[in-house]
Amino acid sequence: MNFLLFHNNYIKISSSNILKYIALDLVGNKSPVYSQTYTINKITPKIVKPNPEYCAINIPLTKPLTITFNENILKGINYNNIYVKNLNTGKPVHIYPNQYPKIH
């Protein structure tokens, strides 16, 4: 389907698609048609190596927590929602994010 849509806000892309677009200057001259492929990966990364190990006990509160995934991950919109939970109380434990995280 070909149609012209003037858009000056965010475009929600929820599935893999090719987005084709042009630009117009102030007097109406059109740019070439550009296209960008967006691939939506809905497979979540898997934890392959937690340190300390799962269900470890008597871990010093100052020991760093390292989580290795099966793929590189990017700092996304939910990065600040990561938390550690006390299994005895069910309540989150306050953590201090690493000054130099290995997340891009």
PDB file of N, CA and C in Angstrom:
ATOM      1  N   MET A   1       0.854  -1.176   0.000  1.00  0.00           N
ATOM      2  CA  MET A   1       0.000   0.000   0.000  1.00  0.00           C
ATOM      3  C   MET A   1       0.898   1.237   0.000  1.00  0.00           C
ATOM      4  N   ASN A   2       0.646   2.152  -0.888  1.00  0.00           N
ATOM      5  CA  ASN A   2       1.397   3.403  -0.945  1.00  0.00           C
ATOM      6  C   ASN A   2       0.511   4.535  -0.436  1.00  0.00           C
ATOM      7  N   PHE A   3       1.014   5.279   0.496  1.00  0.00           N
ATOM      8  CA  PHE A   3       0.291   6.444   0.979  1.00  0.00           C
ATOM      9  C   PHE A   3       1.292   7.400   1.596  1.00  0.00           C
ATOM     10  N   LEU A   4       0.891   8.630   1.703  1.00  0.00           N
ATOM     11  CA  LEU A   4       1.750   9.658   2.270  1.00  0.00           C
ATOM     12  C   LEU A   4       1.259   9.977   3.670  1.00  0.00           C
ATOM     13  N   LEU A   5       2.187   9.923   4.614  1.00  0.00           N
ATOM     14  CA  LEU A   5       1.847  10.195   6.003  1.00  0.00           C
ATOM     15  C   LEU A   5       2.874  11.162   6.553  1.00  0.00           C
ATOM     16  N   PHE A   6       2.423  12.302   7.007  1.00  0.00           N
ATOM     17  CA  PHE A   6       3.321  13.241   7.660  1.00  0.00           C
ATOM     18  C   PHE A   6       3.383  12.847   9.117  1.00  0.00           C
ATOM     19  N   HIS A   7       4.589  12.652   9.582  1.00  0.00           N
ATOM     20  CA  HIS A   7       4.735  12.139  10.940  1.00  0.00           C
ATOM     21  C   HIS A   7       5.865  12.891  11.632  1.00  0.00           C
ATOM     22  N   ASN A   8       5.607  13.381  12.806  1.00  0.00           N
ATOM     23  CA  ASN A   8       6.643  14.105  13.548  1.00  0.00           C
ATOM     24  C   ASN A   8       6.715  13.648  14.996  1.00  0.00           C
ATOM     25  N   ASN A   9       6.391  12.374  15.212  1.00  0.00           N
ATOM     26  CA  ASN A   9       6.427  11.822  16.559  1.00  0.00           C
ATOM     27  C   ASN A   9       6.993  10.413  16.489  1.00  0.00           C
ATOM     28  N   TYR A  10       6.990   9.667  17.599  1.00  0.00           N
ATOM     29  CA  TYR A  10       7.486   8.307  17.625  1.00  0.00           C
ATOM     30  C   TYR A  10       6.610   7.392  16.789  1.00  0.00           C
ATOM     31  N   ILE A  11       7.208   6.397  16.185  1.00  0.00           N
ATOM     32  CA  ILE A  11       6.484   5.365  15.459  1.00  0.00           C
ATOM     33  C   ILE A  11       6.668   4.075  16.235  1.00  0.00           C
ATOM     34  N   LYS A  12       5.583   3.421  16.613  1.00  0.00           N
ATOM     35  CA  LYS A  12       5.668   2.169  17.350  1.00  0.00           C
ATOM     36  C   LYS A  12       5.813   1.029  16.348  1.00  0.00           C
ATOM     37  N   ILE A  13       6.890   0.273  16.504  1.00  0.00           N
ATOM     38  CA  ILE A  13       7.125  -0.886  15.651  1.00  0.00           C
ATOM     39  C   ILE A  13       7.109  -2.100  16.561  1.00  0.00           C
ATOM     40  N   SER A  14       6.120  -2.981  16.404  1.00  0.00           N
ATOM     41  CA  SER A  14       5.979  -4.119  17.310  1.00  0.00           C
ATOM     42  C   SER A  14       6.288  -5.464  16.655  1.00  0.00           C
ATOM     43  N   SER A  15       6.594  -5.451  15.374  1.00  0.00           N
ATOM     44  CA  SER A  15       7.003  -6.674  14.695  1.00  0.00           C
ATOM     45  C   SER A  15       8.044  -6.312  13.651  1.00  0.00           C
ATOM     46  N   SER A  16       8.799  -7.295  13.192  1.00  0.00           N
ATOM     47  CA  SER A  16       9.851  -7.035  12.212  1.00  0.00           C
ATOM     48  C   SER A  16       9.240  -6.461  10.940  1.00  0.00           C
ATOM     49  N   ASN A  17       9.833  -5.382  10.449  1.00  0.00           N
ATOM     50  CA  ASN A  17       9.305  -4.676   9.280  1.00  0.00           C
ATOM     51  C   ASN A  17      10.401  -3.920   8.572  1.00  0.00           C
ATOM     52  N   ILE A  18      10.085  -3.507   7.356  1.00  0.00           N
ATOM     53  CA  ILE A  18      10.933  -2.569   6.629  1.00  0.00           C
ATOM     54  C   ILE A  18      10.171  -1.253   6.583  1.00  0.00           C
ATOM     55  N   LEU A  19      10.768  -0.216   7.118  1.00  0.00           N
ATOM     56  CA  LEU A  19      10.165   1.109   7.131  1.00  0.00           C
ATOM     57  C   LEU A  19      10.753   1.903   5.980  1.00  0.00           C
ATOM     58  N   LYS A  20       9.899   2.390   5.101  1.00  0.00           N
ATOM     59  CA  LYS A  20      10.345   3.233   3.981  1.00  0.00           C
ATOM     60  C   LYS A  20       9.887   4.650   4.250  1.00  0.00           C
ATOM     61  N   TYR A  21      10.761   5.602   3.942  1.00  0.00           N
ATOM     62  CA  TYR A  21      10.426   6.980   4.266  1.00  0.00           C
ATOM     63  C   TYR A  21      11.165   7.939   3.341  1.00  0.00           C
ATOM     64  N   ILE A  22      10.631   9.160   3.283  1.00  0.00           N
ATOM     65  CA  ILE A  22      11.268  10.260   2.550  1.00  0.00           C
ATOM     66  C   ILE A  22      11.253  11.485   3.448  1.00  0.00           C
ATOM     67  N   ALA A  23      12.016  12.461   3.044  1.00  0.00           N
ATOM     68  CA  ALA A  23      12.010  13.744   3.754  1.00  0.00           C
ATOM     69  C   ALA A  23      11.605  14.823   2.768  1.00  0.00           C
ATOM     70  N   LEU A  24      10.973  15.853   3.270  1.00  0.00           N
ATOM     71  CA  LEU A  24      10.602  17.016   2.465  1.00  0.00           C
ATOM     72  C   LEU A  24      11.283  18.235   3.054  1.00  0.00           C
ATOM     73  N   ASP A  25      11.854  19.080   2.166  1.00  0.00           N
ATOM     74  CA  ASP A  25      12.418  20.319   2.688  1.00  0.00           C
ATOM     75  C   ASP A  25      11.315  21.366   2.779  1.00  0.00           C
ATOM     76  N   LEU A  26      11.668  22.569   3.162  1.00  0.00           N
ATOM     77  CA  LEU A  26      10.660  23.609   3.417  1.00  0.00           C
ATOM     78  C   LEU A  26       9.884  24.027   2.176  1.00  0.00           C
ATOM     79  N   VAL A  27      10.443  23.801   0.991  1.00  0.00           N
ATOM     80  CA  VAL A  27       9.718  24.177  -0.233  1.00  0.00           C
ATOM     81  C   VAL A  27       9.084  22.970  -0.923  1.00  0.00           C
ATOM     82  N   GLY A  28       9.165  21.789  -0.289  1.00  0.00           N
ATOM     83  CA  GLY A  28       8.471  20.620  -0.816  1.00  0.00           C
ATOM     84  C   GLY A  28       9.310  19.670  -1.654  1.00  0.00           C
ATOM     85  N   ASN A  29      10.614  19.930  -1.791  1.00  0.00           N
ATOM     86  CA  ASN A  29      11.469  19.001  -2.530  1.00  0.00           C
ATOM     87  C   ASN A  29      11.589  17.691  -1.767  1.00  0.00           C
ATOM     88  N   LYS A  30      11.454  16.565  -2.497  1.00  0.00           N
ATOM     89  CA  LYS A  30      11.489  15.255  -1.872  1.00  0.00           C
ATOM     90  C   LYS A  30      12.889  14.655  -1.925  1.00  0.00           C
ATOM     91  N   SER A  31      13.258  13.975  -0.865  1.00  0.00           N
ATOM     92  CA  SER A  31      14.509  13.222  -0.842  1.00  0.00           C
ATOM     93  C   SER A  31      14.278  11.890  -1.557  1.00  0.00           C
ATOM     94  N   PRO A  32      15.350  11.139  -1.801  1.00  0.00           N
ATOM     95  CA  PRO A  32      15.142   9.770  -2.285  1.00  0.00           C
ATOM     96  C   PRO A  32      14.390   8.958  -1.223  1.00  0.00           C
ATOM     97  N   VAL A  33      13.856   7.830  -1.628  1.00  0.00           N
ATOM     98  CA  VAL A  33      13.192   6.938  -0.680  1.00  0.00           C
ATOM     99  C   VAL A  33      14.277   6.172   0.069  1.00  0.00           C
ATOM    100  N   TYR A  34      14.216   6.240   1.380  1.00  0.00           N
ATOM    101  CA  TYR A  34      15.130   5.503   2.238  1.00  0.00           C
ATOM    102  C   TYR A  34      14.369   4.337   2.851  1.00  0.00           C
ATOM    103  N   SER A  35      15.090   3.298   3.217  1.00  0.00           N
ATOM    104  CA  SER A  35      14.442   2.185   3.902  1.00  0.00           C
ATOM    105  C   SER A  35      15.339   1.712   5.036  1.00  0.00           C
ATOM    106  N   GLN A  36      14.710   1.244   6.076  1.00  0.00           N
ATOM    107  CA  GLN A  36      15.411   0.746   7.251  1.00  0.00           C
ATOM    108  C   GLN A  36      14.702  -0.526   7.700  1.00  0.00           C
ATOM    109  N   THR A  37      15.474  -1.580   7.892  1.00  0.00           N
ATOM    110  CA  THR A  37      14.907  -2.841   8.364  1.00  0.00           C
ATOM    111  C   THR A  37      14.964  -2.880   9.887  1.00  0.00           C
ATOM    112  N   TYR A  38      13.843  -3.194  10.500  1.00  0.00           N
ATOM    113  CA  TYR A  38      13.748  -3.337  11.947  1.00  0.00           C
ATOM    114  C   TYR A  38      13.418  -4.794  12.259  1.00  0.00           C
ATOM    115  N   THR A  39      14.286  -5.438  13.023  1.00  0.00           N
ATOM    116  CA  THR A  39      14.070  -6.821  13.413  1.00  0.00           C
ATOM    117  C   THR A  39      13.771  -6.843  14.906  1.00  0.00           C
ATOM    118  N   ILE A  40      12.618  -7.355  15.240  1.00  0.00           N
ATOM    119  CA  ILE A  40      12.200  -7.436  16.633  1.00  0.00           C
ATOM    120  C   ILE A  40      12.517  -8.848  17.128  1.00  0.00           C
ATOM    121  N   ASN A  41      13.424  -8.918  18.083  1.00  0.00           N
ATOM    122  CA  ASN A  41      13.822 -10.197  18.668  1.00  0.00           C
ATOM    123  C   ASN A  41      13.045 -10.376  19.961  1.00  0.00           C
ATOM    124  N   LYS A  42      12.125 -11.329  19.983  1.00  0.00           N
ATOM    125  CA  LYS A  42      11.295 -11.550  21.169  1.00  0.00           C
ATOM    126  C   LYS A  42      11.817 -12.694  22.037  1.00  0.00           C
ATOM    127  N   ILE A  43      13.016 -13.204  21.704  1.00  0.00           N
ATOM    128  CA  ILE A  43      13.615 -14.265  22.507  1.00  0.00           C
ATOM    129  C   ILE A  43      14.443 -13.601  23.605  1.00  0.00           C
ATOM    130  N   THR A  44      14.081 -13.850  24.837  1.00  0.00           N
ATOM    131  CA  THR A  44      14.781 -13.206  25.954  1.00  0.00           C
ATOM    132  C   THR A  44      16.147 -13.845  26.178  1.00  0.00           C
ATOM    133  N   PRO A  45      17.134 -13.042  26.577  1.00  0.00           N
ATOM    134  CA  PRO A  45      18.443 -13.613  26.902  1.00  0.00           C
ATOM    135  C   PRO A  45      18.320 -14.556  28.094  1.00  0.00           C
ATOM    136  N   LYS A  46      19.160 -15.569  28.125  1.00  0.00           N
ATOM    137  CA  LYS A  46      19.155 -16.545  29.218  1.00  0.00           C
ATOM    138  C   LYS A  46      20.391 -16.357  30.090  1.00  0.00           C
ATOM    139  N   ILE A  47      20.220 -16.506  31.383  1.00  0.00           N
ATOM    140  CA  ILE A  47      21.348 -16.439  32.313  1.00  0.00           C
ATOM    141  C   ILE A  47      22.122 -17.752  32.195  1.00  0.00           C
ATOM    142  N   VAL A  48      23.431 -17.649  31.940  1.00  0.00           N
ATOM    143  CA  VAL A  48      24.253 -18.851  31.833  1.00  0.00           C
ATOM    144  C   VAL A  48      25.236 -18.994  32.987  1.00  0.00           C
ATOM    145  N   LYS A  49      25.547 -17.895  33.657  1.00  0.00           N
ATOM    146  CA  LYS A  49      26.512 -17.987  34.757  1.00  0.00           C
ATOM    147  C   LYS A  49      26.288 -16.857  35.761  1.00  0.00           C
ATOM    148  N   PRO A  50      25.564 -17.154  36.835  1.00  0.00           N
ATOM    149  CA  PRO A  50      25.462 -16.151  37.901  1.00  0.00           C
ATOM    150  C   PRO A  50      26.634 -16.321  38.866  1.00  0.00           C
ATOM    151  N   ASN A  51      27.100 -15.229  39.413  1.00  0.00           N
ATOM    152  CA  ASN A  51      28.147 -15.284  40.426  1.00  0.00           C
ATOM    153  C   ASN A  51      27.791 -14.262  41.496  1.00  0.00           C
ATOM    154  N   PRO A  52      27.457 -14.666  42.699  1.00  0.00           N
ATOM    155  CA  PRO A  52      27.468 -16.006  43.264  1.00  0.00           C
ATOM    156  C   PRO A  52      26.448 -16.916  42.575  1.00  0.00           C
ATOM    157  N   GLU A  53      26.628 -18.234  42.741  1.00  0.00           N
ATOM    158  CA  GLU A  53      25.744 -19.228  42.144  1.00  0.00           C
ATOM    159  C   GLU A  53      24.330 -19.116  42.713  1.00  0.00           C
ATOM    160  N   TYR A  54      23.354 -19.707  42.001  1.00  0.00           N
ATOM    161  CA  TYR A  54      21.977 -19.752  42.489  1.00  0.00           C
ATOM    162  C   TYR A  54      21.926 -20.338  43.900  1.00  0.00           C
ATOM    163  N   CYS A  55      21.090 -19.765  44.731  1.00  0.00           N
ATOM    164  CA  CYS A  55      20.815 -20.238  46.095  1.00  0.00           C
ATOM    165  C   CYS A  55      22.050 -20.272  46.998  1.00  0.00           C
ATOM    166  N   ALA A  56      23.068 -19.492  46.649  1.00  0.00           N
ATOM    167  CA  ALA A  56      24.247 -19.409  47.514  1.00  0.00           C
ATOM    168  C   ALA A  56      23.849 -18.749  48.827  1.00  0.00           C
ATOM    169  N   ILE A  57      24.505 -19.153  49.902  1.00  0.00           N
ATOM    170  CA  ILE A  57      24.202 -18.583  51.211  1.00  0.00           C
ATOM    171  C   ILE A  57      25.472 -18.010  51.824  1.00  0.00           C
ATOM    172  N   ASN A  58      25.284 -17.165  52.828  1.00  0.00           N
ATOM    173  CA  ASN A  58      26.390 -16.529  53.548  1.00  0.00           C
ATOM    174  C   ASN A  58      27.322 -15.747  52.625  1.00  0.00           C
ATOM    175  N   ILE A  59      26.741 -15.029  51.708  1.00  0.00           N
ATOM    176  CA  ILE A  59      27.511 -14.199  50.776  1.00  0.00           C
ATOM    177  C   ILE A  59      27.679 -12.820  51.403  1.00  0.00           C
ATOM    178  N   PRO A  60      28.899 -12.309  51.479  1.00  0.00           N
ATOM    179  CA  PRO A  60      29.082 -10.966  52.045  1.00  0.00           C
ATOM    180  C   PRO A  60      28.294  -9.924  51.242  1.00  0.00           C
ATOM    181  N   LEU A  61      27.727  -8.974  51.939  1.00  0.00           N
ATOM    182  CA  LEU A  61      26.934  -7.940  51.268  1.00  0.00           C
ATOM    183  C   LEU A  61      27.763  -7.095  50.308  1.00  0.00           C
ATOM    184  N   THR A  62      29.065  -7.096  50.475  1.00  0.00           N
ATOM    185  CA  THR A  62      29.922  -6.284  49.610  1.00  0.00           C
ATOM    186  C   THR A  62      30.422  -7.051  48.389  1.00  0.00           C
ATOM    187  N   LYS A  63      30.104  -8.343  48.275  1.00  0.00           N
ATOM    188  CA  LYS A  63      30.548  -9.142  47.127  1.00  0.00           C
ATOM    189  C   LYS A  63      29.807  -8.675  45.875  1.00  0.00           C
ATOM    190  N   PRO A  64      30.539  -8.446  44.785  1.00  0.00           N
ATOM    191  CA  PRO A  64      29.873  -8.045  43.530  1.00  0.00           C
ATOM    192  C   PRO A  64      28.966  -9.156  43.001  1.00  0.00           C
ATOM    193  N   LEU A  65      27.891  -8.776  42.389  1.00  0.00           N
ATOM    194  CA  LEU A  65      26.973  -9.697  41.727  1.00  0.00           C
ATOM    195  C   LEU A  65      27.245  -9.595  40.235  1.00  0.00           C
ATOM    196  N   THR A  66      27.586 -10.721  39.623  1.00  0.00           N
ATOM    197  CA  THR A  66      27.859 -10.742  38.192  1.00  0.00           C
ATOM    198  C   THR A  66      26.908 -11.733  37.538  1.00  0.00           C
ATOM    199  N   ILE A  67      26.248 -11.300  36.487  1.00  0.00           N
ATOM    200  CA  ILE A  67      25.328 -12.172  35.759  1.00  0.00           C
ATOM    201  C   ILE A  67      25.793 -12.204  34.302  1.00  0.00           C
ATOM    202  N   THR A  68      26.095 -13.409  33.806  1.00  0.00           N
ATOM    203  CA  THR A  68      26.521 -13.579  32.417  1.00  0.00           C
ATOM    204  C   THR A  68      25.360 -14.173  31.628  1.00  0.00           C
ATOM    205  N   PHE A  69      25.042 -13.551  30.500  1.00  0.00           N
ATOM    206  CA  PHE A  69      23.949 -14.009  29.645  1.00  0.00           C
ATOM    207  C   PHE A  69      24.508 -14.750  28.432  1.00  0.00           C
ATOM    208  N   ASN A  70      23.632 -15.438  27.719  1.00  0.00           N
ATOM    209  CA  ASN A  70      24.041 -16.190  26.535  1.00  0.00           C
ATOM    210  C   ASN A  70      24.249 -15.303  25.309  1.00  0.00           C
ATOM    211  N   GLU A  71      24.057 -14.018  25.442  1.00  0.00           N
ATOM    212  CA  GLU A  71      24.270 -13.072  24.344  1.00  0.00           C
ATOM    213  C   GLU A  71      24.550 -11.705  24.941  1.00  0.00           C
ATOM    214  N   ASN A  72      25.118 -10.835  24.141  1.00  0.00           N
ATOM    215  CA  ASN A  72      25.331  -9.463  24.605  1.00  0.00           C
ATOM    216  C   ASN A  72      23.979  -8.803  24.798  1.00  0.00           C
ATOM    217  N   ILE A  73      23.869  -8.013  25.843  1.00  0.00           N
ATOM    218  CA  ILE A  73      22.616  -7.306  26.089  1.00  0.00           C
ATOM    219  C   ILE A  73      22.887  -5.805  26.089  1.00  0.00           C
ATOM    220  N   LEU A  74      21.847  -5.056  25.790  1.00  0.00           N
ATOM    221  CA  LEU A  74      21.932  -3.604  25.770  1.00  0.00           C
ATOM    222  C   LEU A  74      21.136  -3.051  26.949  1.00  0.00           C
ATOM    223  N   LYS A  75      21.575  -1.924  27.442  1.00  0.00           N
ATOM    224  CA  LYS A  75      20.840  -1.255  28.507  1.00  0.00           C
ATOM    225  C   LYS A  75      19.546  -0.720  27.904  1.00  0.00           C
ATOM    226  N   GLY A  76      18.428  -1.307  28.297  1.00  0.00           N
ATOM    227  CA  GLY A  76      17.132  -0.929  27.751  1.00  0.00           C
ATOM    228  C   GLY A  76      16.277  -0.185  28.752  1.00  0.00           C
ATOM    229  N   ILE A  77      15.011  -0.051  28.435  1.00  0.00           N
ATOM    230  CA  ILE A  77      14.101   0.742  29.253  1.00  0.00           C
ATOM    231  C   ILE A  77      13.843   0.110  30.614  1.00  0.00           C
ATOM    232  N   ASN A  78      14.060  -1.205  30.751  1.00  0.00           N
ATOM    233  CA  ASN A  78      13.803  -1.867  32.033  1.00  0.00           C
ATOM    234  C   ASN A  78      15.058  -2.054  32.870  1.00  0.00           C
ATOM    235  N   TYR A  79      16.177  -1.483  32.445  1.00  0.00           N
ATOM    236  CA  TYR A  79      17.437  -1.640  33.170  1.00  0.00           C
ATOM    237  C   TYR A  79      17.304  -1.223  34.630  1.00  0.00           C
ATOM    238  N   ASN A  80      16.615  -0.143  34.872  1.00  0.00           N
ATOM    239  CA  ASN A  80      16.469   0.357  36.248  1.00  0.00           C
ATOM    240  C   ASN A  80      15.463  -0.445  37.070  1.00  0.00           C
ATOM    241  N   ASN A  81      14.819  -1.437  36.455  1.00  0.00           N
ATOM    242  CA  ASN A  81      13.880  -2.285  37.178  1.00  0.00           C
ATOM    243  C   ASN A  81      14.517  -3.579  37.676  1.00  0.00           C
ATOM    244  N   ILE A  82      15.824  -3.747  37.464  1.00  0.00           N
ATOM    245  CA  ILE A  82      16.516  -4.930  37.955  1.00  0.00           C
ATOM    246  C   ILE A  82      16.648  -4.817  39.473  1.00  0.00           C
ATOM    247  N   TYR A  83      16.336  -5.884  40.172  1.00  0.00           N
ATOM    248  CA  TYR A  83      16.444  -5.850  41.625  1.00  0.00           C
ATOM    249  C   TYR A  83      16.851  -7.218  42.165  1.00  0.00           C
ATOM    250  N   VAL A  84      17.304  -7.236  43.391  1.00  0.00           N
ATOM    251  CA  VAL A  84      17.633  -8.453  44.122  1.00  0.00           C
ATOM    252  C   VAL A  84      16.608  -8.582  45.233  1.00  0.00           C
ATOM    253  N   LYS A  85      16.073  -9.810  45.406  1.00  0.00           N
ATOM    254  CA  LYS A  85      15.025 -10.023  46.397  1.00  0.00           C
ATOM    255  C   LYS A  85      15.536 -10.942  47.507  1.00  0.00           C
ATOM    256  N   ASN A  86      15.243 -10.571  48.733  1.00  0.00           N
ATOM    257  CA  ASN A  86      15.529 -11.409  49.891  1.00  0.00           C
ATOM    258  C   ASN A  86      14.513 -12.546  49.893  1.00  0.00           C
ATOM    259  N   LEU A  87      14.980 -13.782  49.736  1.00  0.00           N
ATOM    260  CA  LEU A  87      14.052 -14.909  49.641  1.00  0.00           C
ATOM    261  C   LEU A  87      13.336 -15.200  50.956  1.00  0.00           C
ATOM    262  N   ASN A  88      13.892 -14.765  52.077  1.00  0.00           N
ATOM    263  CA  ASN A  88      13.228 -14.992  53.373  1.00  0.00           C
ATOM    264  C   ASN A  88      12.073 -14.027  53.586  1.00  0.00           C
ATOM    265  N   THR A  89      12.270 -12.769  53.202  1.00  0.00           N
ATOM    266  CA  THR A  89      11.240 -11.755  53.441  1.00  0.00           C
ATOM    267  C   THR A  89      10.388 -11.480  52.192  1.00  0.00           C
ATOM    268  N   GLY A  90      10.929 -11.834  51.037  1.00  0.00           N
ATOM    269  CA  GLY A  90      10.223 -11.527  49.786  1.00  0.00           C
ATOM    270  C   GLY A  90      10.350 -10.081  49.373  1.00  0.00           C
ATOM    271  N   LYS A  91      11.145  -9.310  50.132  1.00  0.00           N
ATOM    272  CA  LYS A  91      11.290  -7.884  49.849  1.00  0.00           C
ATOM    273  C   LYS A  91      12.568  -7.616  49.058  1.00  0.00           C
ATOM    274  N   PRO A  92      12.541  -6.576  48.217  1.00  0.00           N
ATOM    275  CA  PRO A  92      13.758  -6.204  47.478  1.00  0.00           C
ATOM    276  C   PRO A  92      14.864  -5.736  48.426  1.00  0.00           C
ATOM    277  N   VAL A  93      16.086  -6.012  48.053  1.00  0.00           N
ATOM    278  CA  VAL A  93      17.269  -5.573  48.787  1.00  0.00           C
ATOM    279  C   VAL A  93      17.866  -4.416  48.009  1.00  0.00           C
ATOM    280  N   HIS A  94      18.217  -3.352  48.712  1.00  0.00           N
ATOM    281  CA  HIS A  94      18.804  -2.202  48.027  1.00  0.00           C
ATOM    282  C   HIS A  94      20.182  -2.577  47.468  1.00  0.00           C
ATOM    283  N   ILE A  95      20.397  -2.299  46.208  1.00  0.00           N
ATOM    284  CA  ILE A  95      21.686  -2.588  45.579  1.00  0.00           C
ATOM    285  C   ILE A  95      22.257  -1.306  44.996  1.00  0.00           C
ATOM    286  N   TYR A  96      23.544  -1.303  44.836  1.00  0.00           N
ATOM    287  CA  TYR A  96      24.234  -0.164  44.248  1.00  0.00           C
ATOM    288  C   TYR A  96      24.792  -0.593  42.902  1.00  0.00           C
ATOM    289  N   PRO A  97      24.237  -0.074  41.798  1.00  0.00           N
ATOM    290  CA  PRO A  97      24.721  -0.487  40.477  1.00  0.00           C
ATOM    291  C   PRO A  97      26.226  -0.200  40.328  1.00  0.00           C
ATOM    292  N   ASN A  98      26.875  -1.072  39.586  1.00  0.00           N
ATOM    293  CA  ASN A  98      28.303  -0.938  39.312  1.00  0.00           C
ATOM    294  C   ASN A  98      28.571   0.411  38.631  1.00  0.00           C
ATOM    295  N   GLN A  99      29.663   1.021  39.007  1.00  0.00           N
ATOM    296  CA  GLN A  99      30.042   2.293  38.377  1.00  0.00           C
ATOM    297  C   GLN A  99      30.378   2.097  36.906  1.00  0.00           C
ATOM    298  N   TYR A 100      30.839   0.920  36.541  1.00  0.00           N
ATOM    299  CA  TYR A 100      31.270   0.640  35.162  1.00  0.00           C
ATOM    300  C   TYR A 100      30.623  -0.652  34.670  1.00  0.00           C
ATOM    301  N   PRO A 101      29.302  -0.647  34.457  1.00  0.00           N
ATOM    302  CA  PRO A 101      28.652  -1.889  34.040  1.00  0.00           C
ATOM    303  C   PRO A 101      29.113  -2.323  32.657  1.00  0.00           C
ATOM    304  N   LYS A 102      29.136  -3.628  32.439  1.00  0.00           N
ATOM    305  CA  LYS A 102      29.511  -4.177  31.140  1.00  0.00           C
ATOM    306  C   LYS A 102      28.279  -4.359  30.281  1.00  0.00           C
ATOM    307  N   ILE A 103      27.411  -3.393  30.336  1.00  0.00           N
ATOM    308  CA  ILE A 103      26.199  -3.368  29.520  1.00  0.00           C
ATOM    309  C   ILE A 103      26.309  -2.153  28.611  1.00  0.00           C
ATOM    310  N   HIS A 104      26.072  -2.355  27.349  1.00  0.00           N
ATOM    311  CA  HIS A 104      26.244  -1.270  26.379  1.00  0.00           C
ATOM    312  C   HIS A 104      24.930  -0.573  26.127  1.00  0.00           C
TER     313      HIS A 104
END
